[in-house]
Amino acid sequence: MCRNIKPLLNFEPTATDEEIHDAALQFVRKVSGMHHPSQVNETVFNRAVEDISHATYHLLNELVTTAKPKDREVEAAKARERSMKRFGK
């Protein structure tokens, strides 16, 4: 999985449209191997991002969990701590 794609399920507040779009964009970039598509591929690339954003939105809204919602600040602190352990200062 692309390391830049963050889990979006079960956060309070819920994932924003921008977060969903950014995850879809990262996925399409990873799968296509393109960071910026050429003009000839731009329409297909952007349509893929929108299709995946749409599917992700529905997935997140339809999944059911009994876990307590995660706090964004707590999760960000955990990520910083993991990064410090992995890469140092």
Protein backbone atom coordinates (compact mmCIF):
# COMPACT_ATOMS: atom_id res chain seq x y z
CA MET A 1 0.00 0.00 0.00
CA CYS A 2 1.18 3.49 -0.73
CA ARG A 3 2.57 4.98 2.48
CA ASN A 4 1.01 8.36 1.72
CA ILE A 5 -2.52 6.94 1.80
CA LYS A 6 -3.80 7.27 5.35
CA PRO A 7 -6.64 5.24 6.89
CA LEU A 8 -9.82 7.33 6.75
CA LEU A 9 -12.35 5.13 8.53
CA ASN A 10 -13.70 5.87 11.98
CA PHE A 11 -12.40 9.36 12.66
CA GLU A 12 -14.28 12.09 14.43
CA PRO A 13 -14.97 14.29 12.55
CA THR A 14 -15.34 12.04 9.52
CA ALA A 15 -12.98 12.16 6.56
CA THR A 16 -13.37 15.25 4.42
CA ASP A 17 -13.92 15.24 0.66
CA GLU A 18 -10.40 16.63 0.30
CA GLU A 19 -8.88 13.75 2.30
CA ILE A 20 -10.80 11.23 0.19
CA HIS A 21 -9.70 12.95 -3.03
CA ASP A 22 -6.06 13.05 -1.88
CA ALA A 23 -6.10 9.32 -1.08
CA ALA A 24 -7.64 8.56 -4.48
CA LEU A 25 -5.03 10.72 -6.20
CA GLN A 26 -2.20 8.90 -4.42
CA PHE A 27 -3.71 5.55 -5.39
CA VAL A 28 -4.02 6.50 -9.06
CA ARG A 29 -0.47 7.88 -9.08
CA LYS A 30 0.85 4.64 -7.57
CA VAL A 31 -1.07 2.34 -9.90
CA SER A 32 -0.38 4.35 -13.06
CA GLY A 33 3.23 5.14 -12.22
CA MET A 34 2.56 8.78 -13.15
CA HIS A 35 2.82 11.75 -10.84
CA HIS A 36 1.55 14.14 -13.49
CA PRO A 37 -0.15 12.65 -16.55
CA SER A 38 0.59 13.85 -20.06
CA GLN A 39 -2.08 15.91 -21.82
CA VAL A 40 -3.25 12.86 -23.74
CA ASN A 41 -3.75 10.91 -20.47
CA GLU A 42 -5.02 13.75 -18.29
CA THR A 43 -8.75 13.09 -18.86
CA VAL A 44 -8.45 9.37 -18.11
CA PHE A 45 -6.24 10.04 -15.08
CA ASN A 46 -8.63 12.63 -13.61
CA ARG A 47 -11.66 10.41 -14.28
CA ALA A 48 -9.95 7.56 -12.41
CA VAL A 49 -9.31 9.86 -9.43
CA GLU A 50 -12.96 10.94 -9.39
CA ASP A 51 -14.25 7.36 -9.75
CA ILE A 52 -12.05 6.14 -6.90
CA SER A 53 -13.03 9.15 -4.75
CA HIS A 54 -16.69 8.32 -5.34
CA ALA A 55 -16.21 4.63 -4.48
CA THR A 56 -14.17 5.52 -1.38
CA TYR A 57 -16.83 7.96 -0.18
CA HIS A 58 -19.48 5.23 -0.42
CA LEU A 59 -17.20 2.66 1.21
CA LEU A 60 -16.50 4.89 4.21
CA ASN A 61 -20.18 5.78 4.62
CA GLU A 62 -21.39 2.19 4.42
CA LEU A 63 -18.80 0.34 6.52
CA VAL A 64 -19.92 -0.47 10.05
CA THR A 65 -17.64 -0.50 13.08
CA THR A 66 -18.23 -0.72 16.80
CA ALA A 67 -14.83 0.76 17.64
CA LYS A 68 -14.64 4.10 19.34
CA PRO A 69 -13.90 6.91 16.82
CA LYS A 70 -10.23 7.88 16.62
CA ASP A 71 -9.01 11.36 17.47
CA ARG A 72 -6.99 13.00 14.69
CA GLU A 73 -4.59 14.72 17.07
CA VAL A 74 -3.84 11.52 18.99
CA GLU A 75 -3.24 9.61 15.75
CA ALA A 76 -0.99 12.39 14.43
CA ALA A 77 1.05 12.27 17.65
CA LYS A 78 1.42 8.49 17.31
CA ALA A 79 2.60 8.92 13.71
CA ARG A 80 5.18 11.53 14.76
CA GLU A 81 6.44 9.17 17.48
CA ARG A 82 6.76 6.28 14.98
CA SER A 83 8.61 8.57 12.62
CA MET A 84 11.04 9.66 15.35
CA LYS A 85 11.76 6.02 16.22
CA ARG A 86 12.26 5.13 12.58
CA PHE A 87 14.20 8.13 11.29
CA GLY A 88 15.46 9.93 14.40
CA LYS A 89 15.47 13.72 14.58
